[in-house]
């Protein structure tokens, strides 16, 4: 394979667009190698925006890795003294080995592969989804508590407080999260998330993820950190969701401003509304599915296949308790608030 000359590179650059960039849906942009005297090939950017993939380089002839490629762990036989010419392939998994071959895995970004996370307020039934994933062979980090949350949670809690600094509150139920979608994510936040997810990010498991309700509080930045992850938005009737307490009941514990109240149920309801609105205000990732807790419990035969199609894996069927649905109907104390109305209508919850 003869290296491209400068004229060919210019022509191919015009074909692929300005600066030799070829847009490809679902793949990173590719740029011409800045070292034409060495290799003459297209390379992916390693600037933090590239989704994690394993880069497999198939060598026709060999001499040494070009200076534009991060130093790889090399396997295979090499013939020295010949000019290098390469072909790049971007894949979501390791391909079948063939010789000669050099396989490069960008370890700093490999955690973006095959990640799954569950978004939803605490006491929303997210444990059922996490347990299903665990019993289906998905590594959800360690250790896990009885709710199948990844613990310890302190680093995640601190990350929530970091993001809260940039949430603007205009009184009532009016929060402004717009700058979160475009501003630079603070290094402090990234470090805390990586600390919390250490066991997950370092795991070689082909399918892995995590679940903790506080992820919902930092959803806008989680989406930007892990754009290729698969997100399961778990929804439960808010009247049932606020019957039980959770760490996120009082948003001020995470430095999030809200209309203060001494009514415990109302405080939980405001937290539910805040998290629901935050998720709705965030641009959705490429891989997104919404699942009602009630459908998972009462109609697993239809809900599990939907999730299997989304995740691309066979899911275990766990025991569920139908009595967990509609508890608000016999519960004492307030459980219905006017500001639940739009969300209840959107997801088909009956008024009562």
Protein backbone atom coordinates (compact mmCIF):
# COMPACT_ATOMS: atom_id res chain seq x y z
CA UNK A 1 0.00 0.00 0.00
CA UNK A 2 1.69 3.18 -1.22
CA UNK A 3 1.50 6.24 1.09
CA UNK A 4 -0.63 9.12 -0.16
CA UNK A 5 1.11 12.04 -1.77
CA UNK A 6 0.38 15.63 -0.81
CA UNK A 7 -1.98 16.15 -3.75
CA UNK A 8 -3.98 13.06 -2.82
CA UNK A 9 -4.16 14.21 0.77
CA UNK A 10 -5.47 17.60 -0.33
CA UNK A 11 -8.08 15.98 -2.57
CA UNK A 12 -9.14 13.59 0.14
CA UNK A 13 -9.26 16.48 2.58
CA UNK A 14 -11.68 18.29 0.30
CA UNK A 15 -13.76 15.15 0.07
CA UNK A 16 -14.00 14.77 3.82
CA UNK A 17 -14.47 18.44 4.59
CA UNK A 18 -12.41 21.25 6.10
CA UNK A 19 -9.14 20.29 7.75
CA UNK A 20 -9.48 16.69 6.60
CA UNK A 21 -12.22 15.94 9.10
CA UNK A 22 -14.75 13.27 8.21
CA UNK A 23 -17.95 13.50 10.26
CA UNK A 24 -19.21 10.05 11.17
CA UNK A 25 -22.31 9.44 13.22
CA UNK A 26 -21.47 7.49 16.34
CA UNK A 27 -17.71 7.68 15.70
CA UNK A 28 -15.11 10.31 16.55
CA UNK A 29 -13.86 12.74 13.92
CA UNK A 30 -10.74 11.58 12.11
CA UNK A 31 -7.86 13.88 11.17
CA UNK A 32 -4.88 13.54 8.88
CA UNK A 33 -1.71 12.58 10.66
CA UNK A 34 0.51 15.66 11.21
CA UNK A 35 3.59 13.55 10.40
CA UNK A 36 3.24 12.75 6.66
CA UNK A 37 6.90 11.89 6.35
CA UNK A 38 6.37 9.05 8.77
CA UNK A 39 3.02 7.49 8.17
CA UNK A 40 0.45 9.28 5.96
CA UNK A 41 -2.74 8.03 7.58
CA UNK A 42 -5.88 9.17 9.31
CA UNK A 43 -5.92 9.25 13.11
CA UNK A 44 -8.66 9.87 15.69
CA UNK A 45 -8.41 12.83 18.06
CA UNK A 46 -7.35 12.16 21.66
CA UNK A 47 -8.66 15.40 23.11
CA UNK A 48 -11.18 14.10 25.64
CA UNK A 49 -14.17 14.27 23.34
CA UNK A 50 -13.48 10.99 21.61
CA UNK A 51 -15.75 8.14 22.76
CA UNK A 52 -13.73 5.29 24.19
CA UNK A 53 -13.13 2.58 21.70
CA UNK A 54 -10.37 0.12 21.13
CA UNK A 55 -8.19 1.23 18.25
CA UNK A 56 -6.91 -1.67 16.26
CA UNK A 57 -4.06 -0.91 13.91
CA UNK A 58 -3.44 -3.48 11.21
CA UNK A 59 0.09 -3.15 9.86
CA UNK A 60 0.94 -4.03 6.29
CA UNK A 61 4.64 -3.35 6.91
CA UNK A 62 6.35 -2.24 10.06
CA UNK A 63 9.10 -0.14 11.47
CA UNK A 64 7.99 1.71 14.61
CA UNK A 65 4.82 3.35 16.00
CA UNK A 66 4.42 6.84 14.51
CA UNK A 67 4.82 9.82 16.87
CA UNK A 68 1.17 10.79 16.53
CA UNK A 69 -0.09 7.62 18.24
CA UNK A 70 0.02 7.12 22.03
CA UNK A 71 2.54 4.48 23.02
CA UNK A 72 0.74 1.13 22.85
CA UNK A 73 1.25 -2.24 24.39
CA UNK A 74 2.41 -4.17 21.37
CA UNK A 75 1.75 -7.80 20.48
CA UNK A 76 2.79 -9.42 17.21
CA UNK A 77 5.87 -9.69 15.06
CA UNK A 78 7.56 -6.73 13.49
CA UNK A 79 9.76 -6.31 10.46
CA UNK A 80 12.22 -3.48 10.96
CA UNK A 81 13.58 -1.09 8.41
CA UNK A 82 10.49 -0.75 6.21
CA UNK A 83 8.25 2.23 5.72
CA UNK A 84 5.11 2.22 7.88
CA UNK A 85 1.63 2.25 6.39
CA UNK A 86 -1.46 1.69 8.53
CA UNK A 87 -5.18 1.15 8.37
CA UNK A 88 -7.35 2.25 11.31
CA UNK A 89 -10.52 0.51 12.41
CA UNK A 90 -12.79 1.86 15.20
CA UNK A 91 -14.73 -0.82 17.00
CA UNK A 92 -16.69 -1.07 20.21
CA UNK A 93 -14.99 -4.32 21.14
CA UNK A 94 -11.78 -6.18 20.54
CA UNK A 95 -11.76 -7.73 17.09
CA UNK A 96 -10.53 -11.17 16.17
CA UNK A 97 -6.78 -11.31 16.37
CA UNK A 98 -4.87 -11.51 13.13
CA UNK A 99 -1.17 -11.29 12.40
CA UNK A 100 0.58 -9.00 12.16
CA UNK A 101 -1.35 -6.62 14.40
CA UNK A 102 -0.89 -3.96 17.02
CA UNK A 103 -3.78 -3.35 19.38
CA UNK A 104 -4.05 -0.04 21.20
CA UNK A 105 -6.49 0.55 24.00
CA UNK A 106 -6.80 4.07 25.28
CA UNK A 107 -7.09 3.11 28.94
CA UNK A 108 -7.87 6.63 30.07
CA UNK A 109 -11.12 6.51 28.12
CA UNK A 110 -11.94 2.81 28.04
CA UNK A 111 -14.43 3.32 30.88
CA UNK A 112 -16.81 4.92 28.41
CA UNK A 113 -17.43 1.57 26.78
CA UNK A 114 -20.55 -0.44 27.62
CA UNK A 115 -21.49 1.65 30.67
CA UNK A 116 -25.04 1.44 32.02
CA UNK A 117 -26.55 3.68 34.68
CA UNK A 118 -29.98 4.17 36.22
CA UNK A 119 -31.39 7.66 36.66
CA UNK A 120 -34.21 8.26 39.11
CA UNK A 121 -35.08 9.69 42.51
CA UNK A 122 -34.41 7.73 45.67
CA UNK A 123 -37.32 5.55 46.83
CA UNK A 124 -38.35 5.31 43.20
CA UNK A 125 -37.80 1.57 42.88
CA UNK A 126 -34.40 1.84 41.17
CA UNK A 127 -33.17 -1.09 43.28
CA UNK A 128 -35.24 -3.44 41.09
CA UNK A 129 -33.40 -2.34 37.96
CA UNK A 130 -29.97 -2.53 39.58
CA UNK A 131 -30.68 -5.99 40.96
CA UNK A 132 -31.85 -7.11 37.53
CA UNK A 133 -28.59 -5.91 35.98
CA UNK A 134 -26.48 -7.63 38.64
CA UNK A 135 -28.32 -10.93 38.21
CA UNK A 136 -27.94 -10.58 34.45
CA UNK A 137 -24.15 -10.49 34.68
CA UNK A 138 -23.59 -6.73 34.57
CA UNK A 139 -20.83 -5.60 36.93
CA UNK A 140 -22.28 -2.76 39.03
CA UNK A 141 -19.18 -1.97 41.07
CA UNK A 142 -18.32 -2.99 44.60
CA UNK A 143 -19.29 -2.97 47.32
CA UNK A 144 -23.06 -2.71 46.91
CA UNK A 145 -25.50 -2.01 49.73
CA UNK A 146 -28.91 -3.64 50.23
CA UNK A 147 -30.42 -1.23 47.70
CA UNK A 148 -27.83 -2.29 45.10
CA UNK A 149 -26.26 1.15 45.28
CA UNK A 150 -22.53 1.45 44.71
CA UNK A 151 -20.95 2.58 47.99
CA UNK A 152 -19.30 4.38 49.69
CA UNK A 153 -21.22 7.39 48.36
CA UNK A 154 -19.31 10.32 49.88
CA UNK A 155 -17.41 11.25 46.70
CA UNK A 156 -20.70 11.31 44.76
CA UNK A 157 -22.29 13.48 47.46
CA UNK A 158 -19.40 15.94 47.21
CA UNK A 159 -19.71 15.97 43.42
CA UNK A 160 -23.38 16.93 43.81
CA UNK A 161 -22.34 19.89 45.97
CA UNK A 162 -19.79 21.00 43.37
CA UNK A 163 -22.39 21.10 40.61
CA UNK A 164 -24.89 22.86 42.87
CA UNK A 165 -22.65 25.96 42.84
CA UNK A 166 -23.73 26.57 39.25
CA UNK A 167 -27.47 26.04 39.70
CA UNK A 168 -29.41 29.30 39.60
CA UNK A 169 -32.65 29.53 41.52
CA UNK A 170 -35.25 32.17 40.65
CA UNK A 171 -37.66 31.35 43.44
CA UNK A 172 -40.52 28.88 43.62
CA UNK A 173 -40.06 25.98 41.23
CA UNK A 174 -37.86 27.89 38.82
CA UNK A 175 -34.30 26.68 38.52
CA UNK A 176 -31.90 27.52 35.70
CA UNK A 177 -29.48 24.76 34.70
CA UNK A 178 -28.61 26.15 31.26
CA UNK A 179 -24.95 26.94 31.90
CA UNK A 180 -24.32 23.36 33.03
CA UNK A 181 -24.70 22.18 29.44
CA UNK A 182 -21.93 24.36 27.98
CA UNK A 183 -19.48 25.40 30.69
CA UNK A 184 -16.25 23.55 31.35
CA UNK A 185 -16.78 20.80 33.89
CA UNK A 186 -14.58 21.54 36.92
CA UNK A 187 -11.68 19.16 37.40
CA UNK A 188 -12.77 18.78 41.03
CA UNK A 189 -16.06 17.28 39.86
CA UNK A 190 -14.41 14.92 37.40
CA UNK A 191 -11.97 13.73 40.04
CA UNK A 192 -14.75 13.04 42.54
CA UNK A 193 -16.81 11.06 40.02
CA UNK A 194 -13.82 8.99 39.00
CA UNK A 195 -13.06 8.36 42.65
CA UNK A 196 -16.61 7.19 43.29
CA UNK A 197 -16.65 5.00 40.17
CA UNK A 198 -13.13 3.63 40.63
CA UNK A 199 -14.17 -0.01 40.86
CA UNK A 200 -16.38 0.33 37.77
CA UNK A 201 -13.95 2.30 35.61
CA UNK A 202 -11.08 -0.06 36.33
CA UNK A 203 -13.08 -3.22 35.80
CA UNK A 204 -12.33 -5.25 32.66
CA UNK A 205 -15.95 -6.47 32.61
CA UNK A 206 -17.47 -6.19 29.11
CA UNK A 207 -20.72 -4.88 30.61
CA UNK A 208 -20.63 -2.66 33.64
CA UNK A 209 -22.37 0.26 35.27
CA UNK A 210 -23.60 1.71 38.53
CA UNK A 211 -26.67 2.87 40.35
CA UNK A 212 -27.14 5.45 43.05
CA UNK A 213 -30.04 7.93 43.14
CA UNK A 214 -27.71 10.91 43.64
CA UNK A 215 -26.54 10.44 40.06
CA UNK A 216 -29.77 12.20 39.11
CA UNK A 217 -28.62 15.36 40.91
CA UNK A 218 -25.57 15.58 38.63
CA UNK A 219 -27.18 14.19 35.49
CA UNK A 220 -26.19 17.12 33.20
CA UNK A 221 -22.48 16.56 33.80
CA UNK A 222 -22.68 12.77 33.93
CA UNK A 223 -24.13 12.83 30.41
CA UNK A 224 -21.24 14.97 29.24
CA UNK A 225 -18.64 12.78 30.93
CA UNK A 226 -20.13 9.55 29.62
CA UNK A 227 -21.90 10.40 26.35
CA UNK A 228 -21.80 6.82 25.06
CA UNK A 229 -23.27 5.23 28.21
CA UNK A 230 -26.75 3.71 28.24
CA UNK A 231 -29.15 5.60 30.49
CA UNK A 232 -32.27 4.07 32.04
CA UNK A 233 -34.62 6.78 33.34
CA UNK A 234 -36.64 5.12 36.09
CA UNK A 235 -39.97 6.75 36.85
CA UNK A 236 -42.38 6.01 39.69
CA UNK A 237 -45.70 7.54 40.66
CA UNK A 238 -44.55 10.50 42.78
CA UNK A 239 -47.30 9.83 45.32
CA UNK A 240 -45.68 6.47 46.08
CA UNK A 241 -42.16 7.80 45.76
CA UNK A 242 -42.52 10.36 48.57
CA UNK A 243 -43.99 7.91 51.10
CA UNK A 244 -40.50 6.79 52.11
CA UNK A 245 -37.55 8.90 53.14
CA UNK A 246 -34.28 9.27 51.26
CA UNK A 247 -30.99 11.13 51.60
CA UNK A 248 -32.04 13.51 48.82
CA UNK A 249 -35.25 14.59 50.57
CA UNK A 250 -33.65 17.83 51.78
CA UNK A 251 -31.94 19.39 48.79
CA UNK A 252 -30.13 21.86 51.03
CA UNK A 253 -27.95 18.96 52.20
CA UNK A 254 -26.47 19.13 48.71
CA UNK A 255 -26.37 22.95 48.66
CA UNK A 256 -29.29 23.14 46.23
CA UNK A 257 -31.65 26.07 46.91
CA UNK A 258 -35.39 25.40 47.07
CA UNK A 259 -38.56 26.72 48.80
CA UNK A 260 -37.96 25.70 52.43
CA UNK A 261 -40.74 23.98 54.33
CA UNK A 262 -41.24 22.16 57.62
CA UNK A 263 -43.64 19.69 56.01
CA UNK A 264 -41.63 16.50 55.47
CA UNK A 265 -43.84 15.15 52.68
CA UNK A 266 -43.80 18.48 50.87
CA UNK A 267 -40.02 18.60 51.18
CA UNK A 268 -39.79 15.19 49.54
CA UNK A 269 -42.25 16.29 46.87
CA UNK A 270 -40.15 19.36 46.05
CA UNK A 271 -37.07 17.15 45.76
CA UNK A 272 -38.97 14.87 43.38
CA UNK A 273 -40.08 17.84 41.28
CA UNK A 274 -36.57 19.31 41.18
CA UNK A 275 -35.02 16.06 39.96
CA UNK A 276 -37.74 15.45 37.42
CA UNK A 277 -37.38 18.96 35.99
CA UNK A 278 -33.58 18.68 35.97
CA UNK A 279 -33.68 15.51 33.89
CA UNK A 280 -36.22 17.01 31.50
CA UNK A 281 -34.07 20.15 31.04
CA UNK A 282 -30.95 18.15 30.13
CA UNK A 283 -30.24 17.27 26.47
CA UNK A 284 -30.73 13.53 26.19
CA UNK A 285 -27.82 11.22 25.45
CA UNK A 286 -27.67 8.98 22.39
CA UNK A 287 -28.74 5.90 24.37
CA UNK A 288 -31.80 6.68 26.46
CA UNK A 289 -34.84 4.73 27.59
CA UNK A 290 -37.68 5.60 30.00
CA UNK A 291 -39.24 2.89 32.13
CA UNK A 292 -42.07 3.17 34.64
CA UNK A 293 -41.58 1.23 37.86
CA UNK A 294 -45.23 0.19 37.68
CA UNK A 295 -44.78 -1.37 34.24
CA UNK A 296 -41.71 -3.26 35.43
CA UNK A 297 -43.61 -4.69 38.40
CA UNK A 298 -47.01 -5.37 36.83
CA UNK A 299 -46.00 -6.17 33.27
CA UNK A 300 -42.54 -7.67 33.19
CA UNK A 301 -43.37 -9.79 30.14
CA UNK A 302 -43.47 -6.66 27.96
CA UNK A 303 -41.05 -4.42 29.87
CA UNK A 304 -38.08 -6.80 30.02
CA UNK A 305 -37.96 -7.29 26.22
CA UNK A 306 -37.90 -3.51 25.78
CA UNK A 307 -34.93 -3.27 28.12
CA UNK A 308 -33.22 -6.24 26.47
CA UNK A 309 -33.51 -4.60 23.05
CA UNK A 310 -32.08 -1.39 24.48
CA UNK A 311 -29.19 -3.00 26.37
CA UNK A 312 -28.47 -5.77 23.90
CA UNK A 313 -28.33 -8.47 26.59
CA UNK A 314 -30.65 -11.08 28.05
CA UNK A 315 -32.05 -9.97 31.41
CA UNK A 316 -32.86 -12.09 34.43
CA UNK A 317 -36.39 -11.97 35.79
CA UNK A 318 -36.34 -11.05 39.47
CA UNK A 319 -39.18 -11.44 41.99
CA UNK A 320 -41.32 -8.32 42.31
CA UNK A 321 -44.05 -7.24 44.72
CA UNK A 322 -47.24 -5.98 43.06
CA UNK A 323 -48.36 -4.47 46.36
CA UNK A 324 -45.58 -1.87 45.96
CA UNK A 325 -47.75 -0.17 43.32
CA UNK A 326 -50.41 2.29 44.49
CA UNK A 327 -49.50 2.37 48.16
CA UNK A 328 -50.49 6.00 48.30
CA UNK A 329 -54.13 4.96 48.09
CA UNK A 330 -54.07 3.62 51.65
CA UNK A 331 -51.28 5.79 53.08
CA UNK A 332 -51.87 8.36 55.78
CA UNK A 333 -50.76 11.94 55.44
CA UNK A 334 -50.42 14.18 52.37
CA UNK A 335 -49.24 12.52 49.19
CA UNK A 336 -50.70 14.53 46.32
CA UNK A 337 -49.43 17.98 45.36
CA UNK A 338 -50.56 20.27 42.58
CA UNK A 339 -47.07 20.54 41.10
CA UNK A 340 -47.06 16.79 40.37
CA UNK A 341 -49.77 17.38 37.75
CA UNK A 342 -47.74 17.80 34.52
CA UNK A 343 -45.44 14.86 35.25
CA UNK A 344 -48.32 12.58 36.22
CA UNK A 345 -50.19 13.45 33.04
CA UNK A 346 -47.11 12.91 30.88
CA UNK A 347 -46.51 9.40 32.25
CA UNK A 348 -50.11 8.30 32.48
CA UNK A 349 -50.68 8.29 36.24
CA UNK A 350 -54.31 8.51 37.26
CA UNK A 351 -55.55 11.30 39.45
CA UNK A 352 -57.03 10.35 42.76
